[in-house]
């Protein structure tokens, strides 16, 4: 089964982490990606640019309306994702717990709908 592991964290808190403390955390992300590839579970994933670079798109009365930046003010922003394929939700939760951001943010585990 495929799962999206959506990584939420506080961008301002991450920016406050000194560079020498960021490097080991980023290395853990690389190690996790290697671990997922070794198991054949990795299907994709990436870090996202800051939420301030987002553009929200809506269609109102047939017209496309865009808004710069995130739509809602939240403490945690979507910062990245992994797309994995594993046996079940328990395995996906186990992977989510290995994502470094789970220690200071949240990882949302969402099954991917199989449309056949």
PDB file of N, CA and C in Angstrom:
ATOM      1  N   UNK A   1       0.847  -1.181   0.000  1.00  0.00           N
ATOM      2  CA  UNK A   1       0.000   0.000   0.000  1.00  0.00           C
ATOM      3  C   UNK A   1       0.888   1.239   0.000  1.00  0.00           C
ATOM      4  N   UNK A   2       0.445   2.273  -0.714  1.00  0.00           N
ATOM      5  CA  UNK A   2       1.209   3.523  -0.765  1.00  0.00           C
ATOM      6  C   UNK A   2       0.701   4.496   0.291  1.00  0.00           C
ATOM      7  N   UNK A   3       1.654   5.255   0.858  1.00  0.00           N
ATOM      8  CA  UNK A   3       1.352   6.262   1.867  1.00  0.00           C
ATOM      9  C   UNK A   3       2.138   7.531   1.580  1.00  0.00           C
ATOM     10  N   UNK A   4       1.504   8.675   1.832  1.00  0.00           N
ATOM     11  CA  UNK A   4       2.202   9.955   1.849  1.00  0.00           C
ATOM     12  C   UNK A   4       2.504  10.267   3.304  1.00  0.00           C
ATOM     13  N   UNK A   5       3.748  10.556   3.582  1.00  0.00           N
ATOM     14  CA  UNK A   5       4.163  10.975   4.919  1.00  0.00           C
ATOM     15  C   UNK A   5       4.433  12.472   4.824  1.00  0.00           C
ATOM     16  N   UNK A   6       3.511  13.267   5.335  1.00  0.00           N
ATOM     17  CA  UNK A   6       3.570  14.717   5.212  1.00  0.00           C
ATOM     18  C   UNK A   6       4.246  15.295   6.448  1.00  0.00           C
ATOM     19  N   UNK A   7       5.307  16.037   6.226  1.00  0.00           N
ATOM     20  CA  UNK A   7       6.169  16.523   7.308  1.00  0.00           C
ATOM     21  C   UNK A   7       5.795  17.961   7.659  1.00  0.00           C
ATOM     22  N   UNK A   8       5.310  18.169   8.886  1.00  0.00           N
ATOM     23  CA  UNK A   8       4.931  19.490   9.360  1.00  0.00           C
ATOM     24  C   UNK A   8       5.884  19.945  10.454  1.00  0.00           C
ATOM     25  N   UNK A   9       6.310  21.194  10.359  1.00  0.00           N
ATOM     26  CA  UNK A   9       7.178  21.752  11.385  1.00  0.00           C
ATOM     27  C   UNK A   9       7.087  23.261  11.399  1.00  0.00           C
ATOM     28  N   UNK A  10       7.686  23.848  12.394  1.00  0.00           N
ATOM     29  CA  UNK A  10       7.704  25.296  12.569  1.00  0.00           C
ATOM     30  C   UNK A  10       8.913  25.844  11.805  1.00  0.00           C
ATOM     31  N   UNK A  11       8.661  26.518  10.684  1.00  0.00           N
ATOM     32  CA  UNK A  11       9.762  27.033   9.864  1.00  0.00           C
ATOM     33  C   UNK A  11      10.652  27.997  10.648  1.00  0.00           C
ATOM     34  N   UNK A  12      10.053  28.851  11.455  1.00  0.00           N
ATOM     35  CA  UNK A  12      10.833  29.830  12.222  1.00  0.00           C
ATOM     36  C   UNK A  12      11.750  29.132  13.217  1.00  0.00           C
ATOM     37  N   UNK A  13      11.258  28.070  13.842  1.00  0.00           N
ATOM     38  CA  UNK A  13      12.092  27.327  14.796  1.00  0.00           C
ATOM     39  C   UNK A  13      13.256  26.660  14.064  1.00  0.00           C
ATOM     40  N   UNK A  14      13.005  26.106  12.866  1.00  0.00           N
ATOM     41  CA  UNK A  14      14.080  25.474  12.095  1.00  0.00           C
ATOM     42  C   UNK A  14      15.127  26.511  11.702  1.00  0.00           C
ATOM     43  N   UNK A  15      14.693  27.687  11.286  1.00  0.00           N
ATOM     44  CA  UNK A  15      15.641  28.741  10.900  1.00  0.00           C
ATOM     45  C   UNK A  15      16.513  29.171  12.076  1.00  0.00           C
ATOM     46  N   UNK A  16      16.015  29.011  13.296  1.00  0.00           N
ATOM     47  CA  UNK A  16      16.770  29.397  14.485  1.00  0.00           C
ATOM     48  C   UNK A  16      17.806  28.358  14.897  1.00  0.00           C
ATOM     49  N   UNK A  17      17.752  27.160  14.333  1.00  0.00           N
ATOM     50  CA  UNK A  17      18.718  26.106  14.673  1.00  0.00           C
ATOM     51  C   UNK A  17      20.065  26.460  14.036  1.00  0.00           C
ATOM     52  N   UNK A  18      21.140  26.507  14.824  1.00  0.00           N
ATOM     53  CA  UNK A  18      22.456  26.818  14.261  1.00  0.00           C
ATOM     54  C   UNK A  18      22.862  25.797  13.184  1.00  0.00           C
ATOM     55  N   UNK A  19      23.600  26.267  12.188  1.00  0.00           N
ATOM     56  CA  UNK A  19      23.989  25.431  11.048  1.00  0.00           C
ATOM     57  C   UNK A  19      24.697  24.155  11.488  1.00  0.00           C
ATOM     58  N   UNK A  20      25.556  24.237  12.500  1.00  0.00           N
ATOM     59  CA  UNK A  20      26.287  23.039  12.931  1.00  0.00           C
ATOM     60  C   UNK A  20      25.358  21.990  13.554  1.00  0.00           C
ATOM     61  N   UNK A  21      24.179  22.414  14.013  1.00  0.00           N
ATOM     62  CA  UNK A  21      23.196  21.467  14.536  1.00  0.00           C
ATOM     63  C   UNK A  21      22.248  20.970  13.450  1.00  0.00           C
ATOM     64  N   UNK A  22      22.121  21.716  12.357  1.00  0.00           N
ATOM     65  CA  UNK A  22      21.266  21.301  11.238  1.00  0.00           C
ATOM     66  C   UNK A  22      21.894  20.146  10.456  1.00  0.00           C
ATOM     67  N   UNK A  23      23.202  20.210  10.265  1.00  0.00           N
ATOM     68  CA  UNK A  23      23.878  19.209   9.435  1.00  0.00           C
ATOM     69  C   UNK A  23      23.618  17.776   9.889  1.00  0.00           C
ATOM     70  N   UNK A  24      23.738  17.446  11.183  1.00  0.00           N
ATOM     71  CA  UNK A  24      23.446  16.065  11.587  1.00  0.00           C
ATOM     72  C   UNK A  24      21.985  15.671  11.354  1.00  0.00           C
ATOM     73  N   UNK A  25      21.082  16.625  11.489  1.00  0.00           N
ATOM     74  CA  UNK A  25      19.661  16.334  11.251  1.00  0.00           C
ATOM     75  C   UNK A  25      19.438  16.029   9.769  1.00  0.00           C
ATOM     76  N   UNK A  26      20.016  16.842   8.896  1.00  0.00           N
ATOM     77  CA  UNK A  26      19.879  16.614   7.461  1.00  0.00           C
ATOM     78  C   UNK A  26      20.520  15.287   7.054  1.00  0.00           C
ATOM     79  N   UNK A  27      21.600  14.925   7.695  1.00  0.00           N
ATOM     80  CA  UNK A  27      22.244  13.631   7.433  1.00  0.00           C
ATOM     81  C   UNK A  27      21.289  12.483   7.781  1.00  0.00           C
ATOM     82  N   UNK A  28      20.519  12.648   8.866  1.00  0.00           N
ATOM     83  CA  UNK A  28      19.534  11.625   9.253  1.00  0.00           C
ATOM     84  C   UNK A  28      18.463  11.461   8.185  1.00  0.00           C
ATOM     85  N   UNK A  29      18.059  12.572   7.546  1.00  0.00           N
ATOM     86  CA  UNK A  29      17.101  12.471   6.439  1.00  0.00           C
ATOM     87  C   UNK A  29      17.691  11.634   5.306  1.00  0.00           C
ATOM     88  N   UNK A  30      18.954  11.882   4.982  1.00  0.00           N
ATOM     89  CA  UNK A  30      19.614  11.107   3.937  1.00  0.00           C
ATOM     90  C   UNK A  30      19.707   9.636   4.293  1.00  0.00           C
ATOM     91  N   UNK A  31      20.019   9.349   5.548  1.00  0.00           N
ATOM     92  CA  UNK A  31      20.100   7.960   6.009  1.00  0.00           C
ATOM     93  C   UNK A  31      18.731   7.276   5.936  1.00  0.00           C
ATOM     94  N   UNK A  32      17.683   8.014   6.270  1.00  0.00           N
ATOM     95  CA  UNK A  32      16.337   7.456   6.183  1.00  0.00           C
ATOM     96  C   UNK A  32      15.989   7.140   4.726  1.00  0.00           C
ATOM     97  N   UNK A  33      16.307   8.050   3.820  1.00  0.00           N
ATOM     98  CA  UNK A  33      16.032   7.807   2.395  1.00  0.00           C
ATOM     99  C   UNK A  33      16.788   6.568   1.917  1.00  0.00           C
ATOM    100  N   UNK A  34      18.044   6.421   2.329  1.00  0.00           N
ATOM    101  CA  UNK A  34      18.824   5.227   1.962  1.00  0.00           C
ATOM    102  C   UNK A  34      18.159   3.971   2.508  1.00  0.00           C
ATOM    103  N   UNK A  35      17.723   4.015   3.756  1.00  0.00           N
ATOM    104  CA  UNK A  35      17.071   2.876   4.417  1.00  0.00           C
ATOM    105  C   UNK A  35      15.805   2.486   3.658  1.00  0.00           C
ATOM    106  N   UNK A  36      15.010   3.492   3.244  1.00  0.00           N
ATOM    107  CA  UNK A  36      13.786   3.226   2.492  1.00  0.00           C
ATOM    108  C   UNK A  36      14.099   2.610   1.126  1.00  0.00           C
ATOM    109  N   UNK A  37      15.135   3.122   0.464  1.00  0.00           N
ATOM    110  CA  UNK A  37      15.518   2.561  -0.843  1.00  0.00           C
ATOM    111  C   UNK A  37      15.994   1.121  -0.706  1.00  0.00           C
ATOM    112  N   UNK A  38      16.764   0.831   0.345  1.00  0.00           N
ATOM    113  CA  UNK A  38      17.257  -0.539   0.573  1.00  0.00           C
ATOM    114  C   UNK A  38      16.103  -1.522   0.714  1.00  0.00           C
ATOM    115  N   UNK A  39      15.004  -1.109   1.288  1.00  0.00           N
ATOM    116  CA  UNK A  39      13.833  -1.961   1.481  1.00  0.00           C
ATOM    117  C   UNK A  39      12.903  -1.969   0.275  1.00  0.00           C
ATOM    118  N   UNK A  40      13.177  -1.103  -0.691  1.00  0.00           N
ATOM    119  CA  UNK A  40      12.314  -1.008  -1.861  1.00  0.00           C
ATOM    120  C   UNK A  40      11.025  -0.264  -1.598  1.00  0.00           C
ATOM    121  N   UNK A  41      10.982   0.538  -0.549  1.00  0.00           N
ATOM    122  CA  UNK A  41       9.763   1.238  -0.158  1.00  0.00           C
ATOM    123  C   UNK A  41       9.690   2.668  -0.704  1.00  0.00           C
ATOM    124  N   UNK A  42      10.810   3.257  -1.066  1.00  0.00           N
ATOM    125  CA  UNK A  42      10.847   4.663  -1.470  1.00  0.00           C
ATOM    126  C   UNK A  42      10.195   4.835  -2.838  1.00  0.00           C
ATOM    127  N   UNK A  43       9.220   5.731  -2.909  1.00  0.00           N
ATOM    128  CA  UNK A  43       8.573   6.034  -4.178  1.00  0.00           C
ATOM    129  C   UNK A  43       8.778   7.494  -4.570  1.00  0.00           C
ATOM    130  N   UNK A  44       9.210   8.314  -3.612  1.00  0.00           N
ATOM    131  CA  UNK A  44       9.470   9.721  -3.895  1.00  0.00           C
ATOM    132  C   UNK A  44       9.513  10.526  -2.621  1.00  0.00           C
ATOM    133  N   UNK A  45       9.777  11.796  -2.782  1.00  0.00           N
ATOM    134  CA  UNK A  45       9.793  12.687  -1.641  1.00  0.00           C
ATOM    135  C   UNK A  45      10.718  13.855  -1.894  1.00  0.00           C
ATOM    136  N   UNK A  46      10.483  14.921  -1.180  1.00  0.00           N
ATOM    137  CA  UNK A  46      11.314  16.107  -1.312  1.00  0.00           C
ATOM    138  C   UNK A  46      11.017  17.099  -0.206  1.00  0.00           C
ATOM    139  N   UNK A  47      11.982  17.987  -0.013  1.00  0.00           N
ATOM    140  CA  UNK A  47      11.787  19.136   0.856  1.00  0.00           C
ATOM    141  C   UNK A  47      11.055  20.192   0.036  1.00  0.00           C
ATOM    142  N   UNK A  48      10.159  20.926   0.666  1.00  0.00           N
ATOM    143  CA  UNK A  48       9.440  21.997  -0.013  1.00  0.00           C
ATOM    144  C   UNK A  48      10.056  23.342   0.342  1.00  0.00           C
ATOM    145  N   UNK A  49       9.952  24.304  -0.554  1.00  0.00           N
ATOM    146  CA  UNK A  49      10.380  25.664  -0.264  1.00  0.00           C
ATOM    147  C   UNK A  49       9.486  26.228   0.840  1.00  0.00           C
ATOM    148  N   UNK A  50       9.921  27.321   1.424  1.00  0.00           N
ATOM    149  CA  UNK A  50       9.188  27.959   2.516  1.00  0.00           C
ATOM    150  C   UNK A  50       7.730  28.203   2.155  1.00  0.00           C
ATOM    151  N   UNK A  51       6.867  28.105   3.154  1.00  0.00           N
ATOM    152  CA  UNK A  51       5.437  28.357   2.943  1.00  0.00           C
ATOM    153  C   UNK A  51       5.199  29.767   2.403  1.00  0.00           C
ATOM    154  N   UNK A  52       6.110  30.682   2.667  1.00  0.00           N
ATOM    155  CA  UNK A  52       5.946  32.050   2.165  1.00  0.00           C
ATOM    156  C   UNK A  52       6.035  32.109   0.642  1.00  0.00           C
ATOM    157  N   UNK A  53       6.550  31.072  -0.002  1.00  0.00           N
ATOM    158  CA  UNK A  53       6.642  31.039  -1.464  1.00  0.00           C
ATOM    159  C   UNK A  53       5.415  30.400  -2.104  1.00  0.00           C
ATOM    160  N   UNK A  54       4.485  29.935  -1.291  1.00  0.00           N
ATOM    161  CA  UNK A  54       3.308  29.228  -1.805  1.00  0.00           C
ATOM    162  C   UNK A  54       2.353  30.175  -2.525  1.00  0.00           C
ATOM    163  N   UNK A  55       1.625  29.620  -3.458  1.00  0.00           N
ATOM    164  CA  UNK A  55       0.539  30.327  -4.125  1.00  0.00           C
ATOM    165  C   UNK A  55      -0.702  29.452  -4.018  1.00  0.00           C
ATOM    166  N   UNK A  56      -1.751  29.985  -3.431  1.00  0.00           N
ATOM    167  CA  UNK A  56      -3.014  29.254  -3.317  1.00  0.00           C
ATOM    168  C   UNK A  56      -3.893  29.610  -4.507  1.00  0.00           C
ATOM    169  N   UNK A  57      -4.510  28.608  -5.110  1.00  0.00           N
ATOM    170  CA  UNK A  57      -5.349  28.795  -6.290  1.00  0.00           C
ATOM    171  C   UNK A  57      -6.769  28.335  -5.971  1.00  0.00           C
ATOM    172  N   UNK A  58      -7.723  29.170  -6.309  1.00  0.00           N
ATOM    173  CA  UNK A  58      -9.138  28.840  -6.158  1.00  0.00           C
ATOM    174  C   UNK A  58      -9.857  29.303  -7.420  1.00  0.00           C
ATOM    175  N   UNK A  59     -10.992  28.714  -7.679  1.00  0.00           N
ATOM    176  CA  UNK A  59     -11.850  29.187  -8.761  1.00  0.00           C
ATOM    177  C   UNK A  59     -13.134  29.684  -8.109  1.00  0.00           C
ATOM    178  N   UNK A  60     -13.388  30.975  -8.287  1.00  0.00           N
ATOM    179  CA  UNK A  60     -14.569  31.615  -7.713  1.00  0.00           C
ATOM    180  C   UNK A  60     -15.394  32.212  -8.845  1.00  0.00           C
ATOM    181  N   UNK A  61     -16.624  31.731  -8.998  1.00  0.00           N
ATOM    182  CA  UNK A  61     -17.526  32.222 -10.049  1.00  0.00           C
ATOM    183  C   UNK A  61     -16.875  32.097 -11.428  1.00  0.00           C
ATOM    184  N   UNK A  62     -16.159  30.985 -11.633  1.00  0.00           N
ATOM    185  CA  UNK A  62     -15.535  30.722 -12.918  1.00  0.00           C
ATOM    186  C   UNK A  62     -14.228  31.443 -13.156  1.00  0.00           C
ATOM    187  N   UNK A  63     -13.767  32.230 -12.207  1.00  0.00           N
ATOM    188  CA  UNK A  63     -12.520  32.986 -12.349  1.00  0.00           C
ATOM    189  C   UNK A  63     -11.440  32.395 -11.455  1.00  0.00           C
ATOM    190  N   UNK A  64     -10.223  32.288 -11.982  1.00  0.00           N
ATOM    191  CA  UNK A  64      -9.090  31.816 -11.195  1.00  0.00           C
ATOM    192  C   UNK A  64      -8.614  32.945 -10.298  1.00  0.00           C
ATOM    193  N   UNK A  65      -8.525  32.652  -9.010  1.00  0.00           N
ATOM    194  CA  UNK A  65      -8.070  33.621  -8.014  1.00  0.00           C
ATOM    195  C   UNK A  65      -6.844  33.041  -7.329  1.00  0.00           C
ATOM    196  N   UNK A  66      -5.763  33.817  -7.273  1.00  0.00           N
ATOM    197  CA  UNK A  66      -4.553  33.346  -6.602  1.00  0.00           C
ATOM    198  C   UNK A  66      -4.247  34.243  -5.414  1.00  0.00           C
ATOM    199  N   UNK A  67      -3.684  33.638  -4.396  1.00  0.00           N
ATOM    200  CA  UNK A  67      -3.265  34.343  -3.194  1.00  0.00           C
ATOM    201  C   UNK A  67      -1.841  33.916  -2.885  1.00  0.00           C
ATOM    202  N   UNK A  68      -0.957  34.881  -2.658  1.00  0.00           N
ATOM    203  CA  UNK A  68       0.425  34.548  -2.307  1.00  0.00           C
ATOM    204  C   UNK A  68       0.491  34.080  -0.871  1.00  0.00           C
ATOM    205  N   UNK A  69       1.412  33.155  -0.637  1.00  0.00           N
ATOM    206  CA  UNK A  69       1.650  32.673   0.713  1.00  0.00           C
ATOM    207  C   UNK A  69       0.644  31.638   1.142  1.00  0.00           C
ATOM    208  N   UNK A  70       0.839  31.090   2.323  1.00  0.00           N
ATOM    209  CA  UNK A  70      -0.092  30.061   2.815  1.00  0.00           C
ATOM    210  C   UNK A  70      -1.457  30.670   3.093  1.00  0.00           C
ATOM    211  N   UNK A  71      -2.486  29.873   2.942  1.00  0.00           N
ATOM    212  CA  UNK A  71      -3.855  30.362   3.119  1.00  0.00           C
ATOM    213  C   UNK A  71      -4.175  30.635   4.585  1.00  0.00           C
ATOM    214  N   UNK A  72      -3.733  29.747   5.461  1.00  0.00           N
ATOM    215  CA  UNK A  72      -4.060  29.906   6.879  1.00  0.00           C
ATOM    216  C   UNK A  72      -2.784  30.111   7.678  1.00  0.00           C
ATOM    217  N   UNK A  73      -2.908  30.867   8.740  1.00  0.00           N
ATOM    218  CA  UNK A  73      -1.787  31.049   9.660  1.00  0.00           C
ATOM    219  C   UNK A  73      -1.756  29.870  10.614  1.00  0.00           C
ATOM    220  N   UNK A  74      -0.665  29.166  10.623  1.00  0.00           N
ATOM    221  CA  UNK A  74      -0.509  28.022  11.513  1.00  0.00           C
ATOM    222  C   UNK A  74       0.881  28.052  12.122  1.00  0.00           C
ATOM    223  N   UNK A  75       1.033  27.366  13.220  1.00  0.00           N
ATOM    224  CA  UNK A  75       2.348  27.274  13.848  1.00  0.00           C
ATOM    225  C   UNK A  75       3.255  26.350  13.042  1.00  0.00           C
ATOM    226  N   UNK A  76       2.667  25.301  12.468  1.00  0.00           N
ATOM    227  CA  UNK A  76       3.454  24.331  11.705  1.00  0.00           C
ATOM    228  C   UNK A  76       3.064  24.398  10.237  1.00  0.00           C
ATOM    229  N   UNK A  77       4.076  24.324   9.367  1.00  0.00           N
ATOM    230  CA  UNK A  77       3.846  24.369   7.938  1.00  0.00           C
ATOM    231  C   UNK A  77       4.278  23.045   7.317  1.00  0.00           C
ATOM    232  N   UNK A  78       3.669  22.727   6.168  1.00  0.00           N
ATOM    233  CA  UNK A  78       4.082  21.553   5.409  1.00  0.00           C
ATOM    234  C   UNK A  78       5.459  21.844   4.832  1.00  0.00           C
ATOM    235  N   UNK A  79       6.444  21.050   5.232  1.00  0.00           N
ATOM    236  CA  UNK A  79       7.822  21.315   4.835  1.00  0.00           C
ATOM    237  C   UNK A  79       8.407  20.298   3.873  1.00  0.00           C
ATOM    238  N   UNK A  80       7.740  19.166   3.729  1.00  0.00           N
ATOM    239  CA  UNK A  80       8.248  18.139   2.833  1.00  0.00           C
ATOM    240  C   UNK A  80       7.396  16.899   2.934  1.00  0.00           C
ATOM    241  N   UNK A  81       7.805  15.876   2.191  1.00  0.00           N
ATOM    242  CA  UNK A  81       7.024  14.646   2.185  1.00  0.00           C
ATOM    243  C   UNK A  81       7.879  13.481   1.719  1.00  0.00           C
ATOM    244  N   UNK A  82       7.443  12.316   2.090  1.00  0.00           N
ATOM    245  CA  UNK A  82       7.938  11.062   1.528  1.00  0.00           C
ATOM    246  C   UNK A  82       6.735  10.348   0.940  1.00  0.00           C
ATOM    247  N   UNK A  83       6.932   9.705  -0.178  1.00  0.00           N
ATOM    248  CA  UNK A  83       5.935   8.814  -0.743  1.00  0.00           C
ATOM    249  C   UNK A  83       6.532   7.420  -0.660  1.00  0.00           C
ATOM    250  N   UNK A  84       5.889   6.550   0.114  1.00  0.00           N
ATOM    251  CA  UNK A  84       6.431   5.204   0.319  1.00  0.00           C
ATOM    252  C   UNK A  84       5.395   4.157  -0.065  1.00  0.00           C
ATOM    253  N   UNK A  85       5.862   2.955  -0.260  1.00  0.00           N
ATOM    254  CA  UNK A  85       4.983   1.812  -0.469  1.00  0.00           C
ATOM    255  C   UNK A  85       5.478   0.697   0.428  1.00  0.00           C
ATOM    256  N   UNK A  86       4.640   0.291   1.362  1.00  0.00           N
ATOM    257  CA  UNK A  86       4.993  -0.757   2.315  1.00  0.00           C
ATOM    258  C   UNK A  86       3.770  -1.638   2.525  1.00  0.00           C
ATOM    259  N   UNK A  87       3.863  -2.580   3.448  1.00  0.00           N
ATOM    260  CA  UNK A  87       2.796  -3.574   3.617  1.00  0.00           C
ATOM    261  C   UNK A  87       1.522  -3.040   4.247  1.00  0.00           C
ATOM    262  N   UNK A  88       1.677  -2.149   5.254  1.00  0.00           N
ATOM    263  CA  UNK A  88       0.490  -1.744   5.996  1.00  0.00           C
ATOM    264  C   UNK A  88       0.724  -0.455   6.767  1.00  0.00           C
ATOM    265  N   UNK A  89      -0.328   0.032   7.407  1.00  0.00           N
ATOM    266  CA  UNK A  89      -0.264   1.275   8.173  1.00  0.00           C
ATOM    267  C   UNK A  89       0.763   1.205   9.293  1.00  0.00           C
ATOM    268  N   UNK A  90       0.886   0.064   9.955  1.00  0.00           N
ATOM    269  CA  UNK A  90       1.863  -0.052  11.040  1.00  0.00           C
ATOM    270  C   UNK A  90       3.277   0.215  10.545  1.00  0.00           C
ATOM    271  N   UNK A  91       3.621  -0.322   9.380  1.00  0.00           N
ATOM    272  CA  UNK A  91       4.951  -0.062   8.818  1.00  0.00           C
ATOM    273  C   UNK A  91       5.100   1.414   8.467  1.00  0.00           C
ATOM    274  N   UNK A  92       4.062   2.019   7.888  1.00  0.00           N
ATOM    275  CA  UNK A  92       4.115   3.439   7.534  1.00  0.00           C
ATOM    276  C   UNK A  92       4.300   4.302   8.783  1.00  0.00           C
ATOM    277  N   UNK A  93       3.626   3.957   9.853  1.00  0.00           N
ATOM    278  CA  UNK A  93       3.778   4.696  11.111  1.00  0.00           C
ATOM    279  C   UNK A  93       5.208   4.528  11.644  1.00  0.00           C
ATOM    280  N   UNK A  94       5.757   3.329  11.520  1.00  0.00           N
ATOM    281  CA  UNK A  94       7.141   3.097  11.934  1.00  0.00           C
ATOM    282  C   UNK A  94       8.112   3.975  11.169  1.00  0.00           C
ATOM    283  N   UNK A  95       7.883   4.127   9.868  1.00  0.00           N
ATOM    284  CA  UNK A  95       8.735   5.009   9.059  1.00  0.00           C
ATOM    285  C   UNK A  95       8.547   6.450   9.507  1.00  0.00           C
ATOM    286  N   UNK A  96       7.304   6.871   9.690  1.00  0.00           N
ATOM    287  CA  UNK A  96       7.029   8.244  10.108  1.00  0.00           C
ATOM    288  C   UNK A  96       7.755   8.586  11.407  1.00  0.00           C
ATOM    289  N   UNK A  97       7.822   7.644  12.316  1.00  0.00           N
ATOM    290  CA  UNK A  97       8.499   7.869  13.597  1.00  0.00           C
ATOM    291  C   UNK A  97      10.003   8.052  13.424  1.00  0.00           C
ATOM    292  N   UNK A  98      10.562   7.589  12.312  1.00  0.00           N
ATOM    293  CA  UNK A  98      11.996   7.730  12.041  1.00  0.00           C
ATOM    294  C   UNK A  98      12.345   9.070  11.400  1.00  0.00           C
ATOM    295  N   UNK A  99      11.351   9.814  10.938  1.00  0.00           N
ATOM    296  CA  UNK A  99      11.601  11.107  10.303  1.00  0.00           C
ATOM    297  C   UNK A  99      12.014  12.103  11.385  1.00  0.00           C
ATOM    298  N   UNK A 100      13.176  12.750  11.229  1.00  0.00           N
ATOM    299  CA  UNK A 100      13.656  13.654  12.283  1.00  0.00           C
ATOM    300  C   UNK A 100      12.646  14.712  12.721  1.00  0.00           C
ATOM    301  N   UNK A 101      11.840  15.231  11.823  1.00  0.00           N
ATOM    302  CA  UNK A 101      10.882  16.275  12.190  1.00  0.00           C
ATOM    303  C   UNK A 101       9.827  15.786  13.169  1.00  0.00           C
ATOM    304  N   UNK A 102       9.644  14.473  13.295  1.00  0.00           N
ATOM    305  CA  UNK A 102       8.667  13.941  14.245  1.00  0.00           C
ATOM    306  C   UNK A 102       9.048  14.303  15.681  1.00  0.00           C
ATOM    307  N   UNK A 103      10.317  14.629  15.901  1.00  0.00           N
ATOM    308  CA  UNK A 103      10.794  14.984  17.243  1.00  0.00           C
ATOM    309  C   UNK A 103      10.431  16.408  17.640  1.00  0.00           C
ATOM    310  N   UNK A 104      10.077  17.262  16.681  1.00  0.00           N
ATOM    311  CA  UNK A 104       9.753  18.649  17.010  1.00  0.00           C
ATOM    312  C   UNK A 104       8.547  19.178  16.248  1.00  0.00           C
ATOM    313  N   UNK A 105       7.911  18.310  15.450  1.00  0.00           N
ATOM    314  CA  UNK A 105       6.741  18.700  14.672  1.00  0.00           C
ATOM    315  C   UNK A 105       5.781  17.529  14.618  1.00  0.00           C
ATOM    316  N   UNK A 106       5.210  17.293  13.459  1.00  0.00           N
ATOM    317  CA  UNK A 106       4.266  16.190  13.299  1.00  0.00           C
ATOM    318  C   UNK A 106       4.404  15.616  11.896  1.00  0.00           C
ATOM    319  N   UNK A 107       4.154  14.324  11.787  1.00  0.00           N
ATOM    320  CA  UNK A 107       4.138  13.643  10.509  1.00  0.00           C
ATOM    321  C   UNK A 107       2.725  13.103  10.311  1.00  0.00           C
ATOM    322  N   UNK A 108       2.091  13.540   9.248  1.00  0.00           N
ATOM    323  CA  UNK A 108       0.755  13.047   8.913  1.00  0.00           C
ATOM    324  C   UNK A 108       0.913  11.888   7.938  1.00  0.00           C
ATOM    325  N   UNK A 109       0.354  10.734   8.287  1.00  0.00           N
ATOM    326  CA  UNK A 109       0.419   9.542   7.446  1.00  0.00           C
ATOM    327  C   UNK A 109      -0.927   9.407   6.731  1.00  0.00           C
ATOM    328  N   UNK A 110      -0.899   9.479   5.391  1.00  0.00           N
ATOM    329  CA  UNK A 110      -2.142   9.418   4.619  1.00  0.00           C
ATOM    330  C   UNK A 110      -2.033   8.331   3.565  1.00  0.00           C
ATOM    331  N   UNK A 111      -2.958   7.387   3.556  1.00  0.00           N
ATOM    332  CA  UNK A 111      -2.969   6.389   2.477  1.00  0.00           C
ATOM    333  C   UNK A 111      -3.243   7.058   1.137  1.00  0.00           C
ATOM    334  N   UNK A 112      -2.617   6.535   0.095  1.00  0.00           N
ATOM    335  CA  UNK A 112      -2.868   6.991  -1.263  1.00  0.00           C
ATOM    336  C   UNK A 112      -4.029   6.182  -1.815  1.00  0.00           C
ATOM    337  N   UNK A 113      -5.003   6.866  -2.397  1.00  0.00           N
ATOM    338  CA  UNK A 113      -6.167   6.186  -2.961  1.00  0.00           C
ATOM    339  C   UNK A 113      -5.751   5.481  -4.244  1.00  0.00           C
ATOM    340  N   UNK A 114      -6.057   4.209  -4.321  1.00  0.00           N
ATOM    341  CA  UNK A 114      -5.760   3.417  -5.522  1.00  0.00           C
ATOM    342  C   UNK A 114      -6.978   3.468  -6.435  1.00  0.00           C
ATOM    343  N   UNK A 115      -6.832   4.216  -7.501  1.00  0.00           N
ATOM    344  CA  UNK A 115      -7.941   4.344  -8.464  1.00  0.00           C
ATOM    345  C   UNK A 115      -7.826   3.346  -9.599  1.00  0.00           C
ATOM    346  N   UNK A 116      -7.136   2.265  -9.329  1.00  0.00           N
ATOM    347  CA  UNK A 116      -7.097   1.165 -10.233  1.00  0.00           C
ATOM    348  C   UNK A 116      -6.186   1.277 -11.349  1.00  0.00           C
TER     349      UNK A 116
END
